[in-house]
Amino acid sequence: MAITTVIGGDSIKAVLPTFGLTTAYKTVTDWITVENATRFDIGSDDVAIGIVIKVSFDGGTTFSGDIALDAGFGVYPIAINRGQTLTLDVKSASGTPNLGGVAYTGA
């Protein structure tokens, strides 16, 4: 795989293509980056399985601690400061759900 880039303000590239998860974090070449956005909403196609995310705003040099999203979380919004790029490292709590998402631009 390659880094998956989502670009806010582009009607096609603002949507995260189906992104398969496993119980392990992705490697540096498989992260998700979100550019030109002020918010990124993520969700899973399996409401019975939770996911765990780490976020970075410095290109993946420094990540947050684990952010566990319990099963059935629906949509989880991540705020992004204008001009920043969000990098996500994601894994599934169990099973192999798919992650989806949409990037938004705003004032």
PDB file of N, CA and C in Angstrom:
ATOM      1  N   MET A   1       0.836  -1.180   0.000  1.00  0.00           N
ATOM      2  CA  MET A   1       0.000   0.000   0.000  1.00  0.00           C
ATOM      3  C   MET A   1       0.881   1.244   0.000  1.00  0.00           C
ATOM      4  N   ALA A   2       0.226   2.363  -0.079  1.00  0.00           N
ATOM      5  CA  ALA A   2       0.922   3.647  -0.038  1.00  0.00           C
ATOM      6  C   ALA A   2       0.161   4.568   0.898  1.00  0.00           C
ATOM      7  N   ILE A   3       0.774   5.658   1.263  1.00  0.00           N
ATOM      8  CA  ILE A   3       0.071   6.634   2.085  1.00  0.00           C
ATOM      9  C   ILE A   3      -1.187   7.069   1.353  1.00  0.00           C
ATOM     10  N   THR A   4      -2.303   7.066   2.054  1.00  0.00           N
ATOM     11  CA  THR A   4      -3.572   7.486   1.480  1.00  0.00           C
ATOM     12  C   THR A   4      -3.794   8.943   1.833  1.00  0.00           C
ATOM     13  N   THR A   5      -3.923   9.795   0.833  1.00  0.00           N
ATOM     14  CA  THR A   5      -4.097  11.219   1.066  1.00  0.00           C
ATOM     15  C   THR A   5      -5.527  11.629   0.771  1.00  0.00           C
ATOM     16  N   VAL A   6      -6.120  12.370   1.704  1.00  0.00           N
ATOM     17  CA  VAL A   6      -7.461  12.914   1.558  1.00  0.00           C
ATOM     18  C   VAL A   6      -7.304  14.429   1.500  1.00  0.00           C
ATOM     19  N   ILE A   7      -7.960  15.061   0.526  1.00  0.00           N
ATOM     20  CA  ILE A   7      -7.782  16.494   0.327  1.00  0.00           C
ATOM     21  C   ILE A   7      -9.123  17.209   0.461  1.00  0.00           C
ATOM     22  N   GLY A   8      -9.242  18.054   1.475  1.00  0.00           N
ATOM     23  CA  GLY A   8     -10.459  18.828   1.674  1.00  0.00           C
ATOM     24  C   GLY A   8     -10.681  19.802   0.531  1.00  0.00           C
ATOM     25  N   GLY A   9     -11.939  20.044   0.205  1.00  0.00           N
ATOM     26  CA  GLY A   9     -12.273  20.990  -0.844  1.00  0.00           C
ATOM     27  C   GLY A   9     -12.296  20.386  -2.232  1.00  0.00           C
ATOM     28  N   ASP A  10     -11.913  19.128  -2.364  1.00  0.00           N
ATOM     29  CA  ASP A  10     -11.962  18.428  -3.649  1.00  0.00           C
ATOM     30  C   ASP A  10     -13.095  17.413  -3.549  1.00  0.00           C
ATOM     31  N   SER A  11     -14.104  17.545  -4.401  1.00  0.00           N
ATOM     32  CA  SER A  11     -15.308  16.727  -4.258  1.00  0.00           C
ATOM     33  C   SER A  11     -15.041  15.226  -4.351  1.00  0.00           C
ATOM     34  N   ILE A  12     -13.959  14.832  -4.969  1.00  0.00           N
ATOM     35  CA  ILE A  12     -13.629  13.410  -5.064  1.00  0.00           C
ATOM     36  C   ILE A  12     -12.586  13.021  -4.019  1.00  0.00           C
ATOM     37  N   LYS A  13     -11.505  13.774  -3.946  1.00  0.00           N
ATOM     38  CA  LYS A  13     -10.408  13.415  -3.044  1.00  0.00           C
ATOM     39  C   LYS A  13     -10.696  13.745  -1.584  1.00  0.00           C
ATOM     40  N   ALA A  14     -11.833  14.388  -1.297  1.00  0.00           N
ATOM     41  CA  ALA A  14     -12.184  14.688   0.091  1.00  0.00           C
ATOM     42  C   ALA A  14     -12.758  13.467   0.805  1.00  0.00           C
ATOM     43  N   VAL A  15     -13.046  12.409   0.055  1.00  0.00           N
ATOM     44  CA  VAL A  15     -13.606  11.190   0.633  1.00  0.00           C
ATOM     45  C   VAL A  15     -12.513  10.136   0.722  1.00  0.00           C
ATOM     46  N   LEU A  16     -12.362   9.550   1.919  1.00  0.00           N
ATOM     47  CA  LEU A  16     -11.379   8.489   2.113  1.00  0.00           C
ATOM     48  C   LEU A  16     -11.871   7.230   1.415  1.00  0.00           C
ATOM     49  N   PRO A  17     -11.086   6.684   0.479  1.00  0.00           N
ATOM     50  CA  PRO A  17     -11.481   5.416  -0.134  1.00  0.00           C
ATOM     51  C   PRO A  17     -11.525   4.332   0.944  1.00  0.00           C
ATOM     52  N   THR A  18     -12.219   3.245   0.680  1.00  0.00           N
ATOM     53  CA  THR A  18     -12.295   2.154   1.649  1.00  0.00           C
ATOM     54  C   THR A  18     -10.898   1.804   2.134  1.00  0.00           C
ATOM     55  N   PHE A  19     -10.723   1.831   3.442  1.00  0.00           N
ATOM     56  CA  PHE A  19      -9.408   1.645   4.046  1.00  0.00           C
ATOM     57  C   PHE A  19      -9.509   0.479   5.025  1.00  0.00           C
ATOM     58  N   GLY A  20      -8.973  -0.679   4.637  1.00  0.00           N
ATOM     59  CA  GLY A  20      -9.074  -1.874   5.461  1.00  0.00           C
ATOM     60  C   GLY A  20      -8.192  -1.817   6.687  1.00  0.00           C
ATOM     61  N   LEU A  21      -8.740  -2.267   7.809  1.00  0.00           N
ATOM     62  CA  LEU A  21      -8.007  -2.256   9.071  1.00  0.00           C
ATOM     63  C   LEU A  21      -7.719  -3.666   9.556  1.00  0.00           C
ATOM     64  N   THR A  22      -6.680  -3.781  10.359  1.00  0.00           N
ATOM     65  CA  THR A  22      -6.366  -5.017  11.062  1.00  0.00           C
ATOM     66  C   THR A  22      -6.133  -4.640  12.524  1.00  0.00           C
ATOM     67  N   THR A  23      -5.749  -5.611  13.324  1.00  0.00           N
ATOM     68  CA  THR A  23      -5.527  -5.338  14.746  1.00  0.00           C
ATOM     69  C   THR A  23      -4.154  -4.745  15.022  1.00  0.00           C
ATOM     70  N   ALA A  24      -3.381  -4.461  13.981  1.00  0.00           N
ATOM     71  CA  ALA A  24      -2.062  -3.835  14.138  1.00  0.00           C
ATOM     72  C   ALA A  24      -2.077  -2.446  13.518  1.00  0.00           C
ATOM     73  N   TYR A  25      -1.321  -1.527  14.100  1.00  0.00           N
ATOM     74  CA  TYR A  25      -1.163  -0.217  13.481  1.00  0.00           C
ATOM     75  C   TYR A  25      -0.507  -0.366  12.123  1.00  0.00           C
ATOM     76  N   LYS A  26      -0.755   0.580  11.253  1.00  0.00           N
ATOM     77  CA  LYS A  26      -0.154   0.577   9.926  1.00  0.00           C
ATOM     78  C   LYS A  26       1.310   0.997  10.038  1.00  0.00           C
ATOM     79  N   THR A  27       2.062   0.741   8.988  1.00  0.00           N
ATOM     80  CA  THR A  27       3.451   1.199   8.964  1.00  0.00           C
ATOM     81  C   THR A  27       3.487   2.606   8.375  1.00  0.00           C
ATOM     82  N   VAL A  28       4.624   3.226   8.421  1.00  0.00           N
ATOM     83  CA  VAL A  28       4.774   4.611   7.960  1.00  0.00           C
ATOM     84  C   VAL A  28       4.293   4.778   6.520  1.00  0.00           C
ATOM     85  N   THR A  29       4.408   3.752   5.698  1.00  0.00           N
ATOM     86  CA  THR A  29       3.990   3.870   4.301  1.00  0.00           C
ATOM     87  C   THR A  29       2.489   3.696   4.113  1.00  0.00           C
ATOM     88  N   ASP A  30       1.758   3.374   5.166  1.00  0.00           N
ATOM     89  CA  ASP A  30       0.319   3.113   5.053  1.00  0.00           C
ATOM     90  C   ASP A  30      -0.544   4.054   5.892  1.00  0.00           C
ATOM     91  N   TRP A  31       0.002   5.173   6.303  1.00  0.00           N
ATOM     92  CA  TRP A  31      -0.791   6.111   7.082  1.00  0.00           C
ATOM     93  C   TRP A  31      -1.807   6.823   6.205  1.00  0.00           C
ATOM     94  N   ILE A  32      -2.720   7.512   6.853  1.00  0.00           N
ATOM     95  CA  ILE A  32      -3.685   8.375   6.174  1.00  0.00           C
ATOM     96  C   ILE A  32      -3.260   9.810   6.446  1.00  0.00           C
ATOM     97  N   THR A  33      -3.164  10.635   5.413  1.00  0.00           N
ATOM     98  CA  THR A  33      -2.906  12.052   5.609  1.00  0.00           C
ATOM     99  C   THR A  33      -4.095  12.845   5.099  1.00  0.00           C
ATOM    100  N   VAL A  34      -4.413  13.907   5.807  1.00  0.00           N
ATOM    101  CA  VAL A  34      -5.537  14.767   5.435  1.00  0.00           C
ATOM    102  C   VAL A  34      -4.984  16.181   5.261  1.00  0.00           C
ATOM    103  N   GLU A  35      -5.154  16.722   4.053  1.00  0.00           N
ATOM    104  CA  GLU A  35      -4.615  18.042   3.708  1.00  0.00           C
ATOM    105  C   GLU A  35      -5.745  19.003   3.371  1.00  0.00           C
ATOM    106  N   ASN A  36      -5.482  20.293   3.537  1.00  0.00           N
ATOM    107  CA  ASN A  36      -6.422  21.344   3.138  1.00  0.00           C
ATOM    108  C   ASN A  36      -7.801  21.161   3.757  1.00  0.00           C
ATOM    109  N   ALA A  37      -7.834  20.811   5.028  1.00  0.00           N
ATOM    110  CA  ALA A  37      -9.120  20.585   5.691  1.00  0.00           C
ATOM    111  C   ALA A  37      -9.095  21.195   7.084  1.00  0.00           C
ATOM    112  N   THR A  38     -10.271  21.496   7.600  1.00  0.00           N
ATOM    113  CA  THR A  38     -10.389  21.981   8.970  1.00  0.00           C
ATOM    114  C   THR A  38     -11.086  20.957   9.870  1.00  0.00           C
ATOM    115  N   ARG A  39     -11.588  19.880   9.239  1.00  0.00           N
ATOM    116  CA  ARG A  39     -12.199  18.796  10.015  1.00  0.00           C
ATOM    117  C   ARG A  39     -12.163  17.523   9.175  1.00  0.00           C
ATOM    118  N   PHE A  40     -11.933  16.405   9.865  1.00  0.00           N
ATOM    119  CA  PHE A  40     -11.989  15.103   9.213  1.00  0.00           C
ATOM    120  C   PHE A  40     -12.864  14.202  10.055  1.00  0.00           C
ATOM    121  N   ASP A  41     -13.933  13.692   9.454  1.00  0.00           N
ATOM    122  CA  ASP A  41     -14.849  12.786  10.139  1.00  0.00           C
ATOM    123  C   ASP A  41     -14.537  11.354   9.727  1.00  0.00           C
ATOM    124  N   ILE A  42     -14.316  10.485  10.722  1.00  0.00           N
ATOM    125  CA  ILE A  42     -14.057   9.085  10.413  1.00  0.00           C
ATOM    126  C   ILE A  42     -15.182   8.219  10.943  1.00  0.00           C
ATOM    127  N   GLY A  43     -15.350   7.073  10.302  1.00  0.00           N
ATOM    128  CA  GLY A  43     -16.349   6.105  10.721  1.00  0.00           C
ATOM    129  C   GLY A  43     -15.943   4.723  10.239  1.00  0.00           C
ATOM    130  N   SER A  44     -16.616   3.721  10.746  1.00  0.00           N
ATOM    131  CA  SER A  44     -16.315   2.341  10.391  1.00  0.00           C
ATOM    132  C   SER A  44     -17.547   1.705   9.761  1.00  0.00           C
ATOM    133  N   ASP A  45     -17.333   0.710   8.915  1.00  0.00           N
ATOM    134  CA  ASP A  45     -18.463   0.015   8.312  1.00  0.00           C
ATOM    135  C   ASP A  45     -18.969  -1.141   9.174  1.00  0.00           C
ATOM    136  N   ASP A  46     -18.397  -1.326  10.351  1.00  0.00           N
ATOM    137  CA  ASP A  46     -18.830  -2.395  11.253  1.00  0.00           C
ATOM    138  C   ASP A  46     -19.087  -1.808  12.634  1.00  0.00           C
ATOM    139  N   VAL A  47     -20.351  -1.611  12.971  1.00  0.00           N
ATOM    140  CA  VAL A  47     -20.693  -0.964  14.244  1.00  0.00           C
ATOM    141  C   VAL A  47     -20.429  -1.855  15.449  1.00  0.00           C
ATOM    142  N   ALA A  48     -20.085  -3.120  15.229  1.00  0.00           N
ATOM    143  CA  ALA A  48     -19.816  -4.028  16.342  1.00  0.00           C
ATOM    144  C   ALA A  48     -18.345  -4.061  16.735  1.00  0.00           C
ATOM    145  N   ILE A  49     -17.503  -3.353  15.976  1.00  0.00           N
ATOM    146  CA  ILE A  49     -16.058  -3.388  16.239  1.00  0.00           C
ATOM    147  C   ILE A  49     -15.541  -1.970  16.476  1.00  0.00           C
ATOM    148  N   GLY A  50     -14.806  -1.789  17.551  1.00  0.00           N
ATOM    149  CA  GLY A  50     -14.191  -0.493  17.830  1.00  0.00           C
ATOM    150  C   GLY A  50     -12.882  -0.341  17.068  1.00  0.00           C
ATOM    151  N   ILE A  51     -12.371   0.878  17.044  1.00  0.00           N
ATOM    152  CA  ILE A  51     -11.074   1.136  16.427  1.00  0.00           C
ATOM    153  C   ILE A  51     -10.227   1.967  17.381  1.00  0.00           C
ATOM    154  N   VAL A  52      -8.946   2.003  17.127  1.00  0.00           N
ATOM    155  CA  VAL A  52      -8.008   2.789  17.924  1.00  0.00           C
ATOM    156  C   VAL A  52      -7.215   3.652  16.950  1.00  0.00           C
ATOM    157  N   ILE A  53      -7.125   4.942  17.247  1.00  0.00           N
ATOM    158  CA  ILE A  53      -6.392   5.850  16.363  1.00  0.00           C
ATOM    159  C   ILE A  53      -5.294   6.568  17.129  1.00  0.00           C
ATOM    160  N   LYS A  54      -4.294   7.004  16.383  1.00  0.00           N
ATOM    161  CA  LYS A  54      -3.273   7.932  16.851  1.00  0.00           C
ATOM    162  C   LYS A  54      -3.256   9.069  15.845  1.00  0.00           C
ATOM    163  N   VAL A  55      -3.104  10.297  16.313  1.00  0.00           N
ATOM    164  CA  VAL A  55      -3.068  11.441  15.406  1.00  0.00           C
ATOM    165  C   VAL A  55      -1.749  12.188  15.545  1.00  0.00           C
ATOM    166  N   SER A  56      -1.341  12.782  14.424  1.00  0.00           N
ATOM    167  CA  SER A  56      -0.126  13.590  14.388  1.00  0.00           C
ATOM    168  C   SER A  56      -0.393  14.816  13.536  1.00  0.00           C
ATOM    169  N   PHE A  57       0.188  15.928  13.930  1.00  0.00           N
ATOM    170  CA  PHE A  57       0.079  17.148  13.138  1.00  0.00           C
ATOM    171  C   PHE A  57       1.453  17.634  12.677  1.00  0.00           C
ATOM    172  N   ASP A  58       2.473  16.764  12.797  1.00  0.00           N
ATOM    173  CA  ASP A  58       3.818  17.136  12.367  1.00  0.00           C
ATOM    174  C   ASP A  58       4.402  16.110  11.391  1.00  0.00           C
ATOM    175  N   GLY A  59       3.548  15.565  10.549  1.00  0.00           N
ATOM    176  CA  GLY A  59       4.013  14.638   9.524  1.00  0.00           C
ATOM    177  C   GLY A  59       4.339  13.248  10.024  1.00  0.00           C
ATOM    178  N   GLY A  60       3.855  12.908  11.203  1.00  0.00           N
ATOM    179  CA  GLY A  60       4.087  11.575  11.735  1.00  0.00           C
ATOM    180  C   GLY A  60       5.316  11.449  12.603  1.00  0.00           C
ATOM    181  N   THR A  61       5.947  12.572  12.928  1.00  0.00           N
ATOM    182  CA  THR A  61       7.097  12.523  13.829  1.00  0.00           C
ATOM    183  C   THR A  61       6.647  12.243  15.254  1.00  0.00           C
ATOM    184  N   THR A  62       5.570  12.901  15.678  1.00  0.00           N
ATOM    185  CA  THR A  62       5.041  12.735  17.032  1.00  0.00           C
ATOM    186  C   THR A  62       3.556  12.405  16.948  1.00  0.00           C
ATOM    187  N   PHE A  63       3.153  11.278  17.517  1.00  0.00           N
ATOM    188  CA  PHE A  63       1.748  10.883  17.543  1.00  0.00           C
ATOM    189  C   PHE A  63       1.179  11.021  18.945  1.00  0.00           C
ATOM    190  N   SER A  64      -0.124  11.213  19.006  1.00  0.00           N
ATOM    191  CA  SER A  64      -0.827  11.210  20.290  1.00  0.00           C
ATOM    192  C   SER A  64      -0.800   9.786  20.846  1.00  0.00           C
ATOM    193  N   GLY A  65      -1.260   9.650  22.065  1.00  0.00           N
ATOM    194  CA  GLY A  65      -1.468   8.320  22.607  1.00  0.00           C
ATOM    195  C   GLY A  65      -2.659   7.679  21.914  1.00  0.00           C
ATOM    196  N   ASP A  66      -2.939   6.443  22.268  1.00  0.00           N
ATOM    197  CA  ASP A  66      -4.081   5.744  21.694  1.00  0.00           C
ATOM    198  C   ASP A  66      -5.385   6.451  22.035  1.00  0.00           C
ATOM    199  N   ILE A  67      -6.235   6.611  21.030  1.00  0.00           N
ATOM    200  CA  ILE A  67      -7.586   7.129  21.223  1.00  0.00           C
ATOM    201  C   ILE A  67      -8.516   5.993  20.825  1.00  0.00           C
ATOM    202  N   ALA A  68      -9.128   5.356  21.816  1.00  0.00           N
ATOM    203  CA  ALA A  68      -9.998   4.209  21.553  1.00  0.00           C
ATOM    204  C   ALA A  68     -11.418   4.689  21.279  1.00  0.00           C
ATOM    205  N   LEU A  69     -11.955   4.240  20.156  1.00  0.00           N
ATOM    206  CA  LEU A  69     -13.333   4.539  19.791  1.00  0.00           C
ATOM    207  C   LEU A  69     -14.109   3.235  19.902  1.00  0.00           C
ATOM    208  N   ASP A  70     -15.006   3.163  20.870  1.00  0.00           N
ATOM    209  CA  ASP A  70     -15.749   1.942  21.124  1.00  0.00           C
ATOM    210  C   ASP A  70     -16.651   1.574  19.952  1.00  0.00           C
ATOM    211  N   ALA A  71     -17.026   0.324  19.903  1.00  0.00           N
ATOM    212  CA  ALA A  71     -17.943  -0.157  18.873  1.00  0.00           C
ATOM    213  C   ALA A  71     -19.193   0.714  18.867  1.00  0.00           C
ATOM    214  N   GLY A  72     -19.705   0.982  17.676  1.00  0.00           N
ATOM    215  CA  GLY A  72     -20.913   1.775  17.537  1.00  0.00           C
ATOM    216  C   GLY A  72     -20.701   3.267  17.714  1.00  0.00           C
ATOM    217  N   PHE A  73     -19.451   3.739  17.604  1.00  0.00           N
ATOM    218  CA  PHE A  73     -19.178   5.161  17.834  1.00  0.00           C
ATOM    219  C   PHE A  73     -19.798   6.066  16.784  1.00  0.00           C
ATOM    220  N   GLY A  74     -20.172   5.555  15.644  1.00  0.00           N
ATOM    221  CA  GLY A  74     -20.774   6.387  14.595  1.00  0.00           C
ATOM    222  C   GLY A  74     -19.714   7.155  13.838  1.00  0.00           C
ATOM    223  N   VAL A  75     -19.746   8.461  13.947  1.00  0.00           N
ATOM    224  CA  VAL A  75     -18.774   9.320  13.263  1.00  0.00           C
ATOM    225  C   VAL A  75     -17.966  10.062  14.317  1.00  0.00           C
ATOM    226  N   TYR A  76     -16.653  10.082  14.142  1.00  0.00           N
ATOM    227  CA  TYR A  76     -15.764  10.764  15.072  1.00  0.00           C
ATOM    228  C   TYR A  76     -15.088  11.920  14.344  1.00  0.00           C
ATOM    229  N   PRO A  77     -15.384  13.170  14.739  1.00  0.00           N
ATOM    230  CA  PRO A  77     -14.770  14.321  14.063  1.00  0.00           C
ATOM    231  C   PRO A  77     -13.416  14.685  14.681  1.00  0.00           C
ATOM    232  N   ILE A  78     -12.461  15.013  13.833  1.00  0.00           N
ATOM    233  CA  ILE A  78     -11.143  15.467  14.279  1.00  0.00           C
ATOM    234  C   ILE A  78     -10.937  16.871  13.731  1.00  0.00           C
ATOM    235  N   ALA A  79     -10.731  17.835  14.625  1.00  0.00           N
ATOM    236  CA  ALA A  79     -10.493  19.222  14.211  1.00  0.00           C
ATOM    237  C   ALA A  79      -9.048  19.384  13.746  1.00  0.00           C
ATOM    238  N   ILE A  80      -8.874  20.173  12.700  1.00  0.00           N
ATOM    239  CA  ILE A  80      -7.552  20.427  12.128  1.00  0.00           C
ATOM    240  C   ILE A  80      -7.393  21.934  11.986  1.00  0.00           C
ATOM    241  N   ASN A  81      -6.306  22.471  12.487  1.00  0.00           N
ATOM    242  CA  ASN A  81      -6.044  23.894  12.306  1.00  0.00           C
ATOM    243  C   ASN A  81      -5.723  24.186  10.849  1.00  0.00           C
ATOM    244  N   ARG A  82      -6.175  25.324  10.370  1.00  0.00           N
ATOM    245  CA  ARG A  82      -5.917  25.711   8.986  1.00  0.00           C
ATOM    246  C   ARG A  82      -4.413  25.676   8.706  1.00  0.00           C
ATOM    247  N   GLY A  83      -4.044  25.053   7.613  1.00  0.00           N
ATOM    248  CA  GLY A  83      -2.644  24.957   7.226  1.00  0.00           C
ATOM    249  C   GLY A  83      -1.936  23.713   7.731  1.00  0.00           C
ATOM    250  N   GLN A  84      -2.544  22.982   8.662  1.00  0.00           N
ATOM    251  CA  GLN A  84      -1.924  21.768   9.176  1.00  0.00           C
ATOM    252  C   GLN A  84      -2.315  20.562   8.332  1.00  0.00           C
ATOM    253  N   THR A  85      -1.467  19.550   8.360  1.00  0.00           N
ATOM    254  CA  THR A  85      -1.784  18.259   7.766  1.00  0.00           C
ATOM    255  C   THR A  85      -1.965  17.263   8.900  1.00  0.00           C
ATOM    256  N   LEU A  86      -3.066  16.560   8.871  1.00  0.00           N
ATOM    257  CA  LEU A  86      -3.355  15.520   9.854  1.00  0.00           C
ATOM    258  C   LEU A  86      -2.815  14.199   9.341  1.00  0.00           C
ATOM    259  N   THR A  87      -2.101  13.484  10.185  1.00  0.00           N
ATOM    260  CA  THR A  87      -1.662  12.129   9.855  1.00  0.00           C
ATOM    261  C   THR A  87      -2.314  11.189  10.848  1.00  0.00           C
ATOM    262  N   LEU A  88      -2.930  10.123  10.332  1.00  0.00           N
ATOM    263  CA  LEU A  88      -3.612   9.135  11.174  1.00  0.00           C
ATOM    264  C   LEU A  88      -2.945   7.779  11.053  1.00  0.00           C
ATOM    265  N   ASP A  89      -2.784   7.120  12.181  1.00  0.00           N
ATOM    266  CA  ASP A  89      -2.382   5.726  12.224  1.00  0.00           C
ATOM    267  C   ASP A  89      -3.528   5.013  12.924  1.00  0.00           C
ATOM    268  N   VAL A  90      -4.077   4.003  12.307  1.00  0.00           N
ATOM    269  CA  VAL A  90      -5.329   3.413  12.773  1.00  0.00           C
ATOM    270  C   VAL A  90      -5.219   1.906  12.829  1.00  0.00           C
ATOM    271  N   LYS A  91      -5.879   1.317  13.827  1.00  0.00           N
ATOM    272  CA  LYS A  91      -6.008  -0.138  13.885  1.00  0.00           C
ATOM    273  C   LYS A  91      -7.384  -0.496  14.409  1.00  0.00           C
ATOM    274  N   SER A  92      -7.753  -1.726  14.214  1.00  0.00           N
ATOM    275  CA  SER A  92      -9.033  -2.235  14.669  1.00  0.00           C
ATOM    276  C   SER A  92      -8.859  -2.894  16.028  1.00  0.00           C
ATOM    277  N   ALA A  93      -9.870  -2.784  16.886  1.00  0.00           N
ATOM    278  CA  ALA A  93      -9.822  -3.462  18.178  1.00  0.00           C
ATOM    279  C   ALA A  93      -9.924  -4.972  17.974  1.00  0.00           C
ATOM    280  N   SER A  94     -10.592  -5.396  16.932  1.00  0.00           N
ATOM    281  CA  SER A  94     -10.704  -6.809  16.568  1.00  0.00           C
ATOM    282  C   SER A  94     -11.243  -6.887  15.147  1.00  0.00           C
ATOM    283  N   GLY A  95     -11.068  -8.028  14.528  1.00  0.00           N
ATOM    284  CA  GLY A  95     -11.639  -8.205  13.197  1.00  0.00           C
ATOM    285  C   GLY A  95     -10.985  -7.335  12.140  1.00  0.00           C
ATOM    286  N   THR A  96     -11.687  -7.184  11.025  1.00  0.00           N
ATOM    287  CA  THR A  96     -11.139  -6.446   9.882  1.00  0.00           C
ATOM    288  C   THR A  96     -12.172  -5.487   9.288  1.00  0.00           C
ATOM    289  N   PRO A  97     -12.614  -4.501  10.048  1.00  0.00           N
ATOM    290  CA  PRO A  97     -13.557  -3.535   9.477  1.00  0.00           C
ATOM    291  C   PRO A  97     -12.850  -2.607   8.494  1.00  0.00           C
ATOM    292  N   ASN A  98     -13.629  -1.836   7.783  1.00  0.00           N
ATOM    293  CA  ASN A  98     -13.091  -0.814   6.895  1.00  0.00           C
ATOM    294  C   ASN A  98     -13.350   0.556   7.505  1.00  0.00           C
ATOM    295  N   LEU A  99     -12.378   1.439   7.355  1.00  0.00           N
ATOM    296  CA  LEU A  99     -12.509   2.810   7.818  1.00  0.00           C
ATOM    297  C   LEU A  99     -12.945   3.677   6.647  1.00  0.00           C
ATOM    298  N   GLY A 100     -13.781   4.646   6.922  1.00  0.00           N
ATOM    299  CA  GLY A 100     -14.181   5.627   5.918  1.00  0.00           C
ATOM    300  C   GLY A 100     -14.045   7.002   6.515  1.00  0.00           C
ATOM    301  N   GLY A 101     -14.085   8.021   5.679  1.00  0.00           N
ATOM    302  CA  GLY A 101     -13.963   9.365   6.200  1.00  0.00           C
ATOM    303  C   GLY A 101     -14.188  10.430   5.144  1.00  0.00           C
ATOM    304  N   VAL A 102     -14.445  11.638   5.634  1.00  0.00           N
ATOM    305  CA  VAL A 102     -14.661  12.776   4.753  1.00  0.00           C
ATOM    306  C   VAL A 102     -13.941  13.979   5.351  1.00  0.00           C
ATOM    307  N   ALA A 103     -13.216  14.722   4.487  1.00  0.00           N
ATOM    308  CA  ALA A 103     -12.531  15.944   4.905  1.00  0.00           C
ATOM    309  C   ALA A 103     -13.389  17.148   4.541  1.00  0.00           C
ATOM    310  N   TYR A 104     -13.440  18.100   5.442  1.00  0.00           N
ATOM    311  CA  TYR A 104     -14.229  19.315   5.237  1.00  0.00           C
ATOM    312  C   TYR A 104     -13.338  20.533   5.351  1.00  0.00           C
ATOM    313  N   THR A 105     -13.660  21.544   4.585  1.00  0.00           N
ATOM    314  CA  THR A 105     -13.008  22.845   4.729  1.00  0.00           C
ATOM    315  C   THR A 105     -14.038  23.807   5.277  1.00  0.00           C
ATOM    316  N   GLY A 106     -13.594  24.805   5.986  1.00  0.00           N
ATOM    317  CA  GLY A 106     -14.524  25.761   6.556  1.00  0.00           C
ATOM    318  C   GLY A 106     -13.793  27.000   7.010  1.00  0.00           C
ATOM    319  N   ALA A 107     -14.560  27.974   7.438  1.00  0.00           N
ATOM    320  CA  ALA A 107     -13.992  29.240   7.884  1.00  0.00           C
ATOM    321  C   ALA A 107     -13.263  29.086   9.186  1.00  0.00           C
TER     322      ALA A 107
END
